[in-house]
């Protein structure tokens, strides 16, 4: 195992609206709430994974079942060490995007879906 599933992130135009929707749908609780990012804790977990909602400028909703506008979702995988995590995911077929900060890095899975390695907050 390289890491643990920490956050499931959905792109959206309105973080608060979508957080309230999923909290109601799943019986969760909105635990983080601002214009750019909101989080919902699920009742059946020990606080992880969270479902998070990330505000995206000029958001375009997915077209189902077509792929003209594909689904927008990514996983955040928590690791203790970003460098070690990076080496491990590259070894199993991920591609580094070069995007990230000191607390997260973005990769593509073998099919091109983005995911992030994140490290615990200091």
PDB file of N, CA and C in Angstrom:
ATOM      1  N   UNK A   1       0.841  -1.175   0.000  1.00  0.00           N
ATOM      2  CA  UNK A   1       0.000   0.000   0.000  1.00  0.00           C
ATOM      3  C   UNK A   1       0.886   1.238   0.000  1.00  0.00           C
ATOM      4  N   UNK A   2       0.571   2.181  -0.888  1.00  0.00           N
ATOM      5  CA  UNK A   2       1.330   3.419  -0.986  1.00  0.00           C
ATOM      6  C   UNK A   2       0.746   4.480  -0.071  1.00  0.00           C
ATOM      7  N   UNK A   3      -0.577   4.567   0.020  1.00  0.00           N
ATOM      8  CA  UNK A   3      -1.224   5.590   0.847  1.00  0.00           C
ATOM      9  C   UNK A   3      -2.648   5.201   1.163  1.00  0.00           C
ATOM     10  N   UNK A   4      -3.385   6.109   1.802  1.00  0.00           N
ATOM     11  CA  UNK A   4      -4.779   5.860   2.158  1.00  0.00           C
ATOM     12  C   UNK A   4      -5.672   6.922   1.512  1.00  0.00           C
ATOM     13  N   UNK A   5      -6.869   6.516   1.123  1.00  0.00           N
ATOM     14  CA  UNK A   5      -7.816   7.445   0.525  1.00  0.00           C
ATOM     15  C   UNK A   5      -8.225   8.463   1.570  1.00  0.00           C
ATOM     16  N   UNK A   6      -7.976   9.729   1.294  1.00  0.00           N
ATOM     17  CA  UNK A   6      -8.225  10.780   2.264  1.00  0.00           C
ATOM     18  C   UNK A   6      -9.408  11.659   1.874  1.00  0.00           C
ATOM     19  N   UNK A   7      -9.490  12.032   0.601  1.00  0.00           N
ATOM     20  CA  UNK A   7     -10.532  12.943   0.151  1.00  0.00           C
ATOM     21  C   UNK A   7     -10.962  12.570  -1.263  1.00  0.00           C
ATOM     22  N   UNK A   8     -12.256  12.563  -1.515  1.00  0.00           N
ATOM     23  CA  UNK A   8     -12.813  12.435  -2.848  1.00  0.00           C
ATOM     24  C   UNK A   8     -13.269  13.840  -3.224  1.00  0.00           C
ATOM     25  N   UNK A   9     -12.743  14.381  -4.318  1.00  0.00           N
ATOM     26  CA  UNK A   9     -12.962  15.783  -4.664  1.00  0.00           C
ATOM     27  C   UNK A   9     -13.780  15.893  -5.943  1.00  0.00           C
ATOM     28  N   UNK A  10     -14.862  16.664  -5.878  1.00  0.00           N
ATOM     29  CA  UNK A  10     -15.686  16.929  -7.044  1.00  0.00           C
ATOM     30  C   UNK A  10     -15.563  18.398  -7.432  1.00  0.00           C
ATOM     31  N   UNK A  11     -15.284  18.664  -8.702  1.00  0.00           N
ATOM     32  CA  UNK A  11     -15.288  20.028  -9.207  1.00  0.00           C
ATOM     33  C   UNK A  11     -16.732  20.502  -9.295  1.00  0.00           C
ATOM     34  N   UNK A  12     -16.951  21.796  -9.081  1.00  0.00           N
ATOM     35  CA  UNK A  12     -18.314  22.330  -9.112  1.00  0.00           C
ATOM     36  C   UNK A  12     -18.279  23.853  -9.195  1.00  0.00           C
ATOM     37  N   UNK A  13     -19.424  24.466  -9.514  1.00  0.00           N
ATOM     38  CA  UNK A  13     -19.475  25.923  -9.546  1.00  0.00           C
ATOM     39  C   UNK A  13     -19.771  26.545  -8.183  1.00  0.00           C
ATOM     40  N   UNK A  14     -20.435  25.815  -7.282  1.00  0.00           N
ATOM     41  CA  UNK A  14     -20.857  26.358  -5.981  1.00  0.00           C
ATOM     42  C   UNK A  14     -20.567  25.335  -4.896  1.00  0.00           C
ATOM     43  N   UNK A  15     -19.486  25.522  -4.168  1.00  0.00           N
ATOM     44  CA  UNK A  15     -19.040  24.528  -3.181  1.00  0.00           C
ATOM     45  C   UNK A  15     -20.045  24.343  -2.055  1.00  0.00           C
ATOM     46  N   UNK A  16     -20.590  25.424  -1.560  1.00  0.00           N
ATOM     47  CA  UNK A  16     -21.510  25.333  -0.424  1.00  0.00           C
ATOM     48  C   UNK A  16     -22.790  24.595  -0.801  1.00  0.00           C
ATOM     49  N   UNK A  17     -23.326  24.898  -1.957  1.00  0.00           N
ATOM     50  CA  UNK A  17     -24.556  24.238  -2.404  1.00  0.00           C
ATOM     51  C   UNK A  17     -24.344  22.735  -2.543  1.00  0.00           C
ATOM     52  N   UNK A  18     -23.247  22.339  -3.178  1.00  0.00           N
ATOM     53  CA  UNK A  18     -23.020  20.914  -3.385  1.00  0.00           C
ATOM     54  C   UNK A  18     -22.703  20.204  -2.074  1.00  0.00           C
ATOM     55  N   UNK A  19     -21.989  20.864  -1.169  1.00  0.00           N
ATOM     56  CA  UNK A  19     -21.713  20.266   0.141  1.00  0.00           C
ATOM     57  C   UNK A  19     -23.013  20.017   0.903  1.00  0.00           C
ATOM     58  N   UNK A  20     -23.890  20.980   0.903  1.00  0.00           N
ATOM     59  CA  UNK A  20     -25.185  20.795   1.592  1.00  0.00           C
ATOM     60  C   UNK A  20     -25.980  19.653   0.960  1.00  0.00           C
ATOM     61  N   UNK A  21     -25.948  19.563  -0.384  1.00  0.00           N
ATOM     62  CA  UNK A  21     -26.660  18.498  -1.083  1.00  0.00           C
ATOM     63  C   UNK A  21     -26.145  17.128  -0.643  1.00  0.00           C
ATOM     64  N   UNK A  22     -24.827  16.931  -0.681  1.00  0.00           N
ATOM     65  CA  UNK A  22     -24.274  15.622  -0.333  1.00  0.00           C
ATOM     66  C   UNK A  22     -24.377  15.319   1.158  1.00  0.00           C
ATOM     67  N   UNK A  23     -24.318  16.334   1.993  1.00  0.00           N
ATOM     68  CA  UNK A  23     -24.526  16.107   3.428  1.00  0.00           C
ATOM     69  C   UNK A  23     -25.940  15.572   3.659  1.00  0.00           C
ATOM     70  N   UNK A  24     -26.908  16.159   2.989  1.00  0.00           N
ATOM     71  CA  UNK A  24     -28.300  15.702   3.123  1.00  0.00           C
ATOM     72  C   UNK A  24     -28.478  14.317   2.508  1.00  0.00           C
ATOM     73  N   UNK A  25     -27.922  14.108   1.331  1.00  0.00           N
ATOM     74  CA  UNK A  25     -28.053  12.833   0.630  1.00  0.00           C
ATOM     75  C   UNK A  25     -27.476  11.676   1.435  1.00  0.00           C
ATOM     76  N   UNK A  26     -26.304  11.888   2.036  1.00  0.00           N
ATOM     77  CA  UNK A  26     -25.574  10.807   2.697  1.00  0.00           C
ATOM     78  C   UNK A  26     -25.649  10.838   4.219  1.00  0.00           C
ATOM     79  N   UNK A  27     -26.344  11.826   4.778  1.00  0.00           N
ATOM     80  CA  UNK A  27     -26.432  11.926   6.226  1.00  0.00           C
ATOM     81  C   UNK A  27     -25.142  12.416   6.848  1.00  0.00           C
ATOM     82  N   UNK A  28     -24.351  13.140   6.080  1.00  0.00           N
ATOM     83  CA  UNK A  28     -23.081  13.652   6.577  1.00  0.00           C
ATOM     84  C   UNK A  28     -23.224  15.026   7.187  1.00  0.00           C
ATOM     85  N   UNK A  29     -22.080  15.608   7.512  1.00  0.00           N
ATOM     86  CA  UNK A  29     -22.032  16.927   8.137  1.00  0.00           C
ATOM     87  C   UNK A  29     -21.037  17.795   7.382  1.00  0.00           C
ATOM     88  N   UNK A  30     -21.450  19.014   7.036  1.00  0.00           N
ATOM     89  CA  UNK A  30     -20.530  19.954   6.410  1.00  0.00           C
ATOM     90  C   UNK A  30     -19.523  20.386   7.473  1.00  0.00           C
ATOM     91  N   UNK A  31     -18.239  20.114   7.242  1.00  0.00           N
ATOM     92  CA  UNK A  31     -17.207  20.410   8.241  1.00  0.00           C
ATOM     93  C   UNK A  31     -16.212  21.467   7.772  1.00  0.00           C
ATOM     94  N   UNK A  32     -16.274  21.832   6.543  1.00  0.00           N
ATOM     95  CA  UNK A  32     -15.436  22.892   5.987  1.00  0.00           C
ATOM     96  C   UNK A  32     -16.235  23.587   4.924  1.00  0.00           C
ATOM     97  N   UNK A  33     -16.223  24.913   4.927  1.00  0.00           N
ATOM     98  CA  UNK A  33     -17.167  25.600   4.060  1.00  0.00           C
ATOM     99  C   UNK A  33     -16.646  26.982   3.697  1.00  0.00           C
ATOM    100  N   UNK A  34     -16.146  27.127   2.470  1.00  0.00           N
ATOM    101  CA  UNK A  34     -15.872  28.467   1.968  1.00  0.00           C
ATOM    102  C   UNK A  34     -16.167  28.495   0.476  1.00  0.00           C
ATOM    103  N   UNK A  35     -15.931  29.615  -0.136  1.00  0.00           N
ATOM    104  CA  UNK A  35     -16.303  29.804  -1.532  1.00  0.00           C
ATOM    105  C   UNK A  35     -15.535  28.888  -2.476  1.00  0.00           C
ATOM    106  N   UNK A  36     -14.279  28.581  -2.151  1.00  0.00           N
ATOM    107  CA  UNK A  36     -13.427  27.789  -3.034  1.00  0.00           C
ATOM    108  C   UNK A  36     -13.381  26.305  -2.711  1.00  0.00           C
ATOM    109  N   UNK A  37     -13.739  25.939  -1.480  1.00  0.00           N
ATOM    110  CA  UNK A  37     -13.568  24.551  -1.034  1.00  0.00           C
ATOM    111  C   UNK A  37     -14.533  24.283   0.113  1.00  0.00           C
ATOM    112  N   UNK A  38     -15.229  23.168   0.051  1.00  0.00           N
ATOM    113  CA  UNK A  38     -16.101  22.745   1.150  1.00  0.00           C
ATOM    114  C   UNK A  38     -15.908  21.246   1.354  1.00  0.00           C
ATOM    115  N   UNK A  39     -16.160  20.776   2.592  1.00  0.00           N
ATOM    116  CA  UNK A  39     -15.956  19.360   2.917  1.00  0.00           C
ATOM    117  C   UNK A  39     -17.155  18.804   3.678  1.00  0.00           C
ATOM    118  N   UNK A  40     -17.424  17.529   3.431  1.00  0.00           N
ATOM    119  CA  UNK A  40     -18.476  16.805   4.143  1.00  0.00           C
ATOM    120  C   UNK A  40     -17.857  15.563   4.771  1.00  0.00           C
ATOM    121  N   UNK A  41     -18.063  15.407   6.089  1.00  0.00           N
ATOM    122  CA  UNK A  41     -17.662  14.186   6.792  1.00  0.00           C
ATOM    123  C   UNK A  41     -18.829  13.211   6.725  1.00  0.00           C
ATOM    124  N   UNK A  42     -18.528  11.966   6.491  1.00  0.00           N
ATOM    125  CA  UNK A  42     -19.555  10.932   6.351  1.00  0.00           C
ATOM    126  C   UNK A  42     -19.818  10.261   7.692  1.00  0.00           C
ATOM    127  N   UNK A  43     -21.066   9.890   7.948  1.00  0.00           N
ATOM    128  CA  UNK A  43     -21.409   9.337   9.259  1.00  0.00           C
ATOM    129  C   UNK A  43     -20.857   7.937   9.507  1.00  0.00           C
ATOM    130  N   UNK A  44     -20.516   7.215   8.469  1.00  0.00           N
ATOM    131  CA  UNK A  44     -20.093   5.823   8.610  1.00  0.00           C
ATOM    132  C   UNK A  44     -18.584   5.667   8.625  1.00  0.00           C
ATOM    133  N   UNK A  45     -17.866   6.771   8.757  1.00  0.00           N
ATOM    134  CA  UNK A  45     -16.407   6.677   8.736  1.00  0.00           C
ATOM    135  C   UNK A  45     -15.835   7.310   9.998  1.00  0.00           C
ATOM    136  N   UNK A  46     -14.546   7.180  10.160  1.00  0.00           N
ATOM    137  CA  UNK A  46     -13.862   7.798  11.295  1.00  0.00           C
ATOM    138  C   UNK A  46     -13.350   9.187  10.924  1.00  0.00           C
ATOM    139  N   UNK A  47     -14.032   9.842  10.014  1.00  0.00           N
ATOM    140  CA  UNK A  47     -13.639  11.173   9.570  1.00  0.00           C
ATOM    141  C   UNK A  47     -12.942  11.178   8.226  1.00  0.00           C
ATOM    142  N   UNK A  48     -12.558  10.034   7.726  1.00  0.00           N
ATOM    143  CA  UNK A  48     -11.920   9.920   6.421  1.00  0.00           C
ATOM    144  C   UNK A  48     -12.457   8.701   5.715  1.00  0.00           C
ATOM    145  N   UNK A  49     -12.634   8.722   4.425  1.00  0.00           N
ATOM    146  CA  UNK A  49     -12.369   9.873   3.580  1.00  0.00           C
ATOM    147  C   UNK A  49     -13.471  10.927   3.691  1.00  0.00           C
ATOM    148  N   UNK A  50     -13.101  12.141   3.389  1.00  0.00           N
ATOM    149  CA  UNK A  50     -14.054  13.231   3.258  1.00  0.00           C
ATOM    150  C   UNK A  50     -14.526  13.283   1.810  1.00  0.00           C
ATOM    151  N   UNK A  51     -15.660  13.910   1.580  1.00  0.00           N
ATOM    152  CA  UNK A  51     -16.046  14.319   0.235  1.00  0.00           C
ATOM    153  C   UNK A  51     -15.857  15.825   0.207  1.00  0.00           C
ATOM    154  N   UNK A  52     -15.095  16.303  -0.763  1.00  0.00           N
ATOM    155  CA  UNK A  52     -14.819  17.732  -0.862  1.00  0.00           C
ATOM    156  C   UNK A  52     -15.315  18.267  -2.201  1.00  0.00           C
ATOM    157  N   UNK A  53     -15.532  19.564  -2.213  1.00  0.00           N
ATOM    158  CA  UNK A  53     -16.074  20.232  -3.382  1.00  0.00           C
ATOM    159  C   UNK A  53     -15.179  21.422  -3.688  1.00  0.00           C
ATOM    160  N   UNK A  54     -14.638  21.439  -4.899  1.00  0.00           N
ATOM    161  CA  UNK A  54     -13.651  22.421  -5.321  1.00  0.00           C
ATOM    162  C   UNK A  54     -14.279  23.334  -6.370  1.00  0.00           C
ATOM    163  N   UNK A  55     -14.274  24.641  -6.103  1.00  0.00           N
ATOM    164  CA  UNK A  55     -14.853  25.597  -7.043  1.00  0.00           C
ATOM    165  C   UNK A  55     -13.953  25.719  -8.262  1.00  0.00           C
ATOM    166  N   UNK A  56     -14.567  25.639  -9.437  1.00  0.00           N
ATOM    167  CA  UNK A  56     -13.848  25.724 -10.692  1.00  0.00           C
ATOM    168  C   UNK A  56     -14.465  26.849 -11.523  1.00  0.00           C
ATOM    169  N   UNK A  57     -13.637  27.788 -11.952  1.00  0.00           N
ATOM    170  CA  UNK A  57     -14.117  28.872 -12.802  1.00  0.00           C
ATOM    171  C   UNK A  57     -14.606  28.301 -14.134  1.00  0.00           C
ATOM    172  N   UNK A  58     -15.662  28.860 -14.641  1.00  0.00           N
ATOM    173  CA  UNK A  58     -16.235  28.442 -15.926  1.00  0.00           C
ATOM    174  C   UNK A  58     -16.545  26.944 -15.957  1.00  0.00           C
ATOM    175  N   UNK A  59     -17.041  26.441 -14.836  1.00  0.00           N
ATOM    176  CA  UNK A  59     -17.394  25.021 -14.711  1.00  0.00           C
ATOM    177  C   UNK A  59     -18.376  24.623 -15.807  1.00  0.00           C
ATOM    178  N   UNK A  60     -18.134  23.467 -16.390  1.00  0.00           N
ATOM    179  CA  UNK A  60     -19.062  22.866 -17.351  1.00  0.00           C
ATOM    180  C   UNK A  60     -19.482  21.513 -16.801  1.00  0.00           C
ATOM    181  N   UNK A  61     -20.762  21.331 -16.605  1.00  0.00           N
ATOM    182  CA  UNK A  61     -21.279  20.076 -16.060  1.00  0.00           C
ATOM    183  C   UNK A  61     -20.996  18.923 -17.026  1.00  0.00           C
ATOM    184  N   UNK A  62     -20.742  17.731 -16.475  1.00  0.00           N
ATOM    185  CA  UNK A  62     -20.541  16.566 -17.336  1.00  0.00           C
ATOM    186  C   UNK A  62     -21.788  16.282 -18.167  1.00  0.00           C
ATOM    187  N   UNK A  63     -21.564  15.746 -19.348  1.00  0.00           N
ATOM    188  CA  UNK A  63     -22.674  15.294 -20.181  1.00  0.00           C
ATOM    189  C   UNK A  63     -22.752  13.780 -20.054  1.00  0.00           C
ATOM    190  N   UNK A  64     -23.864  13.302 -19.581  1.00  0.00           N
ATOM    191  CA  UNK A  64     -24.035  11.870 -19.380  1.00  0.00           C
ATOM    192  C   UNK A  64     -25.041  11.353 -20.379  1.00  0.00           C
ATOM    193  N   UNK A  65     -24.755  10.281 -21.085  1.00  0.00           N
ATOM    194  CA  UNK A  65     -23.620   9.380 -20.937  1.00  0.00           C
ATOM    195  C   UNK A  65     -22.446   9.719 -21.845  1.00  0.00           C
ATOM    196  N   UNK A  66     -22.495  10.807 -22.585  1.00  0.00           N
ATOM    197  CA  UNK A  66     -21.425  11.142 -23.523  1.00  0.00           C
ATOM    198  C   UNK A  66     -20.149  11.567 -22.844  1.00  0.00           C
ATOM    199  N   UNK A  67     -19.128  11.799 -23.636  1.00  0.00           N
ATOM    200  CA  UNK A  67     -17.825  12.211 -23.122  1.00  0.00           C
ATOM    201  C   UNK A  67     -17.381  13.553 -23.698  1.00  0.00           C
ATOM    202  N   UNK A  68     -18.310  14.304 -24.302  1.00  0.00           N
ATOM    203  CA  UNK A  68     -17.934  15.627 -24.800  1.00  0.00           C
ATOM    204  C   UNK A  68     -17.449  16.507 -23.652  1.00  0.00           C
ATOM    205  N   UNK A  69     -18.105  16.377 -22.510  1.00  0.00           N
ATOM    206  CA  UNK A  69     -17.642  17.009 -21.274  1.00  0.00           C
ATOM    207  C   UNK A  69     -17.591  15.882 -20.248  1.00  0.00           C
ATOM    208  N   UNK A  70     -16.404  15.293 -20.019  1.00  0.00           N
ATOM    209  CA  UNK A  70     -16.320  14.132 -19.123  1.00  0.00           C
ATOM    210  C   UNK A  70     -16.553  14.492 -17.658  1.00  0.00           C
ATOM    211  N   UNK A  71     -16.724  13.471 -16.857  1.00  0.00           N
ATOM    212  CA  UNK A  71     -16.930  13.650 -15.426  1.00  0.00           C
ATOM    213  C   UNK A  71     -15.703  14.270 -14.792  1.00  0.00           C
ATOM    214  N   UNK A  72     -15.922  15.150 -13.777  1.00  0.00           N
ATOM    215  CA  UNK A  72     -14.812  15.815 -13.099  1.00  0.00           C
ATOM    216  C   UNK A  72     -14.747  15.350 -11.650  1.00  0.00           C
ATOM    217  N   UNK A  73     -13.787  14.521 -11.369  1.00  0.00           N
ATOM    218  CA  UNK A  73     -13.592  14.005 -10.015  1.00  0.00           C
ATOM    219  C   UNK A  73     -12.136  13.565  -9.896  1.00  0.00           C
ATOM    220  N   UNK A  74     -11.585  13.673  -8.706  1.00  0.00           N
ATOM    221  CA  UNK A  74     -10.253  13.119  -8.492  1.00  0.00           C
ATOM    222  C   UNK A  74     -10.130  12.652  -7.045  1.00  0.00           C
ATOM    223  N   UNK A  75      -9.167  11.800  -6.816  1.00  0.00           N
ATOM    224  CA  UNK A  75      -8.900  11.273  -5.483  1.00  0.00           C
ATOM    225  C   UNK A  75      -7.690  11.970  -4.876  1.00  0.00           C
ATOM    226  N   UNK A  76      -7.753  12.240  -3.572  1.00  0.00           N
ATOM    227  CA  UNK A  76      -6.594  12.689  -2.803  1.00  0.00           C
ATOM    228  C   UNK A  76      -6.130  11.506  -1.968  1.00  0.00           C
ATOM    229  N   UNK A  77      -4.873  11.120  -2.135  1.00  0.00           N
ATOM    230  CA  UNK A  77      -4.310   9.986  -1.423  1.00  0.00           C
ATOM    231  C   UNK A  77      -3.247  10.513  -0.463  1.00  0.00           C
ATOM    232  N   UNK A  78      -3.456  10.275   0.831  1.00  0.00           N
ATOM    233  CA  UNK A  78      -2.541  10.773   1.856  1.00  0.00           C
ATOM    234  C   UNK A  78      -1.333   9.855   1.976  1.00  0.00           C
ATOM    235  N   UNK A  79      -0.154  10.457   1.970  1.00  0.00           N
ATOM    236  CA  UNK A  79       1.101   9.732   2.153  1.00  0.00           C
ATOM    237  C   UNK A  79       1.910  10.447   3.232  1.00  0.00           C
ATOM    238  N   UNK A  80       2.800   9.714   3.866  1.00  0.00           N
ATOM    239  CA  UNK A  80       3.648  10.329   4.886  1.00  0.00           C
ATOM    240  C   UNK A  80       4.756  11.175   4.276  1.00  0.00           C
ATOM    241  N   UNK A  81       5.207  10.793   3.079  1.00  0.00           N
ATOM    242  CA  UNK A  81       6.338  11.466   2.445  1.00  0.00           C
ATOM    243  C   UNK A  81       6.030  11.624   0.956  1.00  0.00           C
ATOM    244  N   UNK A  82       5.977  12.870   0.476  1.00  0.00           N
ATOM    245  CA  UNK A  82       5.639  13.107  -0.929  1.00  0.00           C
ATOM    246  C   UNK A  82       6.669  12.526  -1.889  1.00  0.00           C
ATOM    247  N   UNK A  83       7.940  12.615  -1.560  1.00  0.00           N
ATOM    248  CA  UNK A  83       8.971  12.084  -2.455  1.00  0.00           C
ATOM    249  C   UNK A  83       8.875  10.570  -2.579  1.00  0.00           C
ATOM    250  N   UNK A  84       8.708   9.889  -1.451  1.00  0.00           N
ATOM    251  CA  UNK A  84       8.571   8.426  -1.479  1.00  0.00           C
ATOM    252  C   UNK A  84       7.281   8.025  -2.187  1.00  0.00           C
ATOM    253  N   UNK A  85       6.207   8.751  -1.920  1.00  0.00           N
ATOM    254  CA  UNK A  85       4.937   8.473  -2.588  1.00  0.00           C
ATOM    255  C   UNK A  85       5.048   8.658  -4.089  1.00  0.00           C
ATOM    256  N   UNK A  86       5.727   9.728  -4.482  1.00  0.00           N
ATOM    257  CA  UNK A  86       5.910   9.974  -5.915  1.00  0.00           C
ATOM    258  C   UNK A  86       6.665   8.832  -6.578  1.00  0.00           C
ATOM    259  N   UNK A  87       7.746   8.419  -5.978  1.00  0.00           N
ATOM    260  CA  UNK A  87       8.521   7.311  -6.550  1.00  0.00           C
ATOM    261  C   UNK A  87       7.652   6.062  -6.690  1.00  0.00           C
ATOM    262  N   UNK A  88       6.830   5.803  -5.693  1.00  0.00           N
ATOM    263  CA  UNK A  88       5.992   4.604  -5.719  1.00  0.00           C
ATOM    264  C   UNK A  88       4.914   4.682  -6.793  1.00  0.00           C
ATOM    265  N   UNK A  89       4.243   5.830  -6.932  1.00  0.00           N
ATOM    266  CA  UNK A  89       3.174   5.905  -7.941  1.00  0.00           C
ATOM    267  C   UNK A  89       3.748   5.927  -9.354  1.00  0.00           C
ATOM    268  N   UNK A  90       4.907   6.537  -9.535  1.00  0.00           N
ATOM    269  CA  UNK A  90       5.533   6.504 -10.858  1.00  0.00           C
ATOM    270  C   UNK A  90       5.917   5.077 -11.231  1.00  0.00           C
ATOM    271  N   UNK A  91       6.342   4.302 -10.233  1.00  0.00           N
ATOM    272  CA  UNK A  91       6.745   2.913 -10.478  1.00  0.00           C
ATOM    273  C   UNK A  91       5.575   2.035 -10.906  1.00  0.00           C
ATOM    274  N   UNK A  92       4.366   2.399 -10.531  1.00  0.00           N
ATOM    275  CA  UNK A  92       3.217   1.577 -10.919  1.00  0.00           C
ATOM    276  C   UNK A  92       2.452   2.152 -12.113  1.00  0.00           C
ATOM    277  N   UNK A  93       3.005   3.185 -12.752  1.00  0.00           N
ATOM    278  CA  UNK A  93       2.430   3.653 -14.009  1.00  0.00           C
ATOM    279  C   UNK A  93       1.837   5.042 -14.026  1.00  0.00           C
ATOM    280  N   UNK A  94       1.929   5.789 -12.927  1.00  0.00           N
ATOM    281  CA  UNK A  94       1.416   7.161 -12.917  1.00  0.00           C
ATOM    282  C   UNK A  94       2.343   8.069 -13.707  1.00  0.00           C
ATOM    283  N   UNK A  95       1.812   9.211 -14.112  1.00  0.00           N
ATOM    284  CA  UNK A  95       2.588  10.237 -14.795  1.00  0.00           C
ATOM    285  C   UNK A  95       2.553  11.495 -13.950  1.00  0.00           C
ATOM    286  N   UNK A  96       3.697  12.083 -13.690  1.00  0.00           N
ATOM    287  CA  UNK A  96       3.748  13.341 -12.947  1.00  0.00           C
ATOM    288  C   UNK A  96       3.310  14.474 -13.863  1.00  0.00           C
ATOM    289  N   UNK A  97       2.502  15.406 -13.330  1.00  0.00           N
ATOM    290  CA  UNK A  97       2.064  16.553 -14.121  1.00  0.00           C
ATOM    291  C   UNK A  97       2.964  17.759 -13.911  1.00  0.00           C
ATOM    292  N   UNK A  98       3.728  17.755 -12.824  1.00  0.00           N
ATOM    293  CA  UNK A  98       4.539  18.913 -12.487  1.00  0.00           C
ATOM    294  C   UNK A  98       3.774  19.963 -11.706  1.00  0.00           C
ATOM    295  N   UNK A  99       2.493  19.703 -11.424  1.00  0.00           N
ATOM    296  CA  UNK A  99       1.675  20.644 -10.657  1.00  0.00           C
ATOM    297  C   UNK A  99       1.658  20.238  -9.194  1.00  0.00           C
ATOM    298  N   UNK A 100       1.601  21.228  -8.323  1.00  0.00           N
ATOM    299  CA  UNK A 100       1.490  20.952  -6.901  1.00  0.00           C
ATOM    300  C   UNK A 100       2.133  22.040  -6.072  1.00  0.00           C
ATOM    301  N   UNK A 101       2.205  21.758  -4.785  1.00  0.00           N
ATOM    302  CA  UNK A 101       2.801  22.668  -3.808  1.00  0.00           C
ATOM    303  C   UNK A 101       3.626  21.834  -2.844  1.00  0.00           C
ATOM    304  N   UNK A 102       3.972  22.416  -1.719  1.00  0.00           N
ATOM    305  CA  UNK A 102       4.715  21.660  -0.712  1.00  0.00           C
ATOM    306  C   UNK A 102       3.823  20.658   0.019  1.00  0.00           C
ATOM    307  N   UNK A 103       2.501  20.754  -0.141  1.00  0.00           N
ATOM    308  CA  UNK A 103       1.588  19.845   0.565  1.00  0.00           C
ATOM    309  C   UNK A 103       0.850  18.869  -0.356  1.00  0.00           C
ATOM    310  N   UNK A 104       0.916  19.066  -1.666  1.00  0.00           N
ATOM    311  CA  UNK A 104       0.279  18.113  -2.582  1.00  0.00           C
ATOM    312  C   UNK A 104       0.976  18.130  -3.937  1.00  0.00           C
ATOM    313  N   UNK A 105       0.825  17.019  -4.672  1.00  0.00           N
ATOM    314  CA  UNK A 105       1.328  16.902  -6.041  1.00  0.00           C
ATOM    315  C   UNK A 105       0.274  16.187  -6.880  1.00  0.00           C
ATOM    316  N   UNK A 106       0.174  16.598  -8.134  1.00  0.00           N
ATOM    317  CA  UNK A 106      -0.849  16.070  -9.034  1.00  0.00           C
ATOM    318  C   UNK A 106      -0.209  15.103 -10.022  1.00  0.00           C
ATOM    319  N   UNK A 107      -0.883  13.977 -10.219  1.00  0.00           N
ATOM    320  CA  UNK A 107      -0.430  12.935 -11.137  1.00  0.00           C
ATOM    321  C   UNK A 107      -1.605  12.505 -12.014  1.00  0.00           C
ATOM    322  N   UNK A 108      -1.303  11.751 -13.060  1.00  0.00           N
ATOM    323  CA  UNK A 108      -2.323  11.143 -13.893  1.00  0.00           C
ATOM    324  C   UNK A 108      -2.220   9.635 -13.753  1.00  0.00           C
ATOM    325  N   UNK A 109      -3.384   8.970 -13.648  1.00  0.00           N
ATOM    326  CA  UNK A 109      -3.360   7.511 -13.637  1.00  0.00           C
ATOM    327  C   UNK A 109      -3.111   7.030 -15.069  1.00  0.00           C
ATOM    328  N   UNK A 110      -2.946   5.725 -15.292  1.00  0.00           N
ATOM    329  CA  UNK A 110      -2.649   5.243 -16.635  1.00  0.00           C
ATOM    330  C   UNK A 110      -3.701   5.587 -17.695  1.00  0.00           C
ATOM    331  N   UNK A 111      -4.938   5.881 -17.271  1.00  0.00           N
ATOM    332  CA  UNK A 111      -5.983   6.263 -18.221  1.00  0.00           C
ATOM    333  C   UNK A 111      -6.108   7.783 -18.350  1.00  0.00           C
ATOM    334  N   UNK A 112      -5.268   8.537 -17.637  1.00  0.00           N
ATOM    335  CA  UNK A 112      -5.284   9.984 -17.744  1.00  0.00           C
ATOM    336  C   UNK A 112      -6.098  10.718 -16.702  1.00  0.00           C
ATOM    337  N   UNK A 113      -6.696   9.990 -15.737  1.00  0.00           N
ATOM    338  CA  UNK A 113      -7.456  10.642 -14.669  1.00  0.00           C
ATOM    339  C   UNK A 113      -6.501  11.267 -13.654  1.00  0.00           C
ATOM    340  N   UNK A 114      -6.756  12.518 -13.261  1.00  0.00           N
ATOM    341  CA  UNK A 114      -5.885  13.130 -12.266  1.00  0.00           C
ATOM    342  C   UNK A 114      -6.147  12.584 -10.867  1.00  0.00           C
ATOM    343  N   UNK A 115      -5.098  12.550 -10.066  1.00  0.00           N
ATOM    344  CA  UNK A 115      -5.214  12.277  -8.632  1.00  0.00           C
ATOM    345  C   UNK A 115      -4.083  13.002  -7.942  1.00  0.00           C
ATOM    346  N   UNK A 116      -4.242  13.238  -6.648  1.00  0.00           N
ATOM    347  CA  UNK A 116      -3.224  13.973  -5.893  1.00  0.00           C
ATOM    348  C   UNK A 116      -2.650  13.109  -4.796  1.00  0.00           C
ATOM    349  N   UNK A 117      -1.357  13.247  -4.571  1.00  0.00           N
ATOM    350  CA  UNK A 117      -0.750  12.767  -3.348  1.00  0.00           C
ATOM    351  C   UNK A 117      -0.709  13.981  -2.413  1.00  0.00           C
ATOM    352  N   UNK A 118      -1.159  13.798  -1.191  1.00  0.00           N
ATOM    353  CA  UNK A 118      -1.152  14.877  -0.224  1.00  0.00           C
ATOM    354  C   UNK A 118      -0.408  14.412   1.012  1.00  0.00           C
ATOM    355  N   UNK A 119       0.198  15.345   1.723  1.00  0.00           N
ATOM    356  CA  UNK A 119       0.865  14.993   2.969  1.00  0.00           C
ATOM    357  C   UNK A 119       0.077  15.614   4.111  1.00  0.00           C
ATOM    358  N   UNK A 120       0.162  15.012   5.288  1.00  0.00           N
ATOM    359  CA  UNK A 120      -0.542  15.572   6.441  1.00  0.00           C
ATOM    360  C   UNK A 120      -0.120  17.019   6.686  1.00  0.00           C
ATOM    361  N   UNK A 121      -1.050  17.826   7.143  1.00  0.00           N
ATOM    362  CA  UNK A 121      -0.753  19.216   7.460  1.00  0.00           C
ATOM    363  C   UNK A 121       0.191  19.292   8.643  1.00  0.00           C
ATOM    364  N   UNK A 122       1.031  20.304   8.643  1.00  0.00           N
ATOM    365  CA  UNK A 122       1.950  20.508   9.773  1.00  0.00           C
ATOM    366  C   UNK A 122       1.233  21.108  10.949  1.00  0.00           C
TER     367      UNK A 122
END
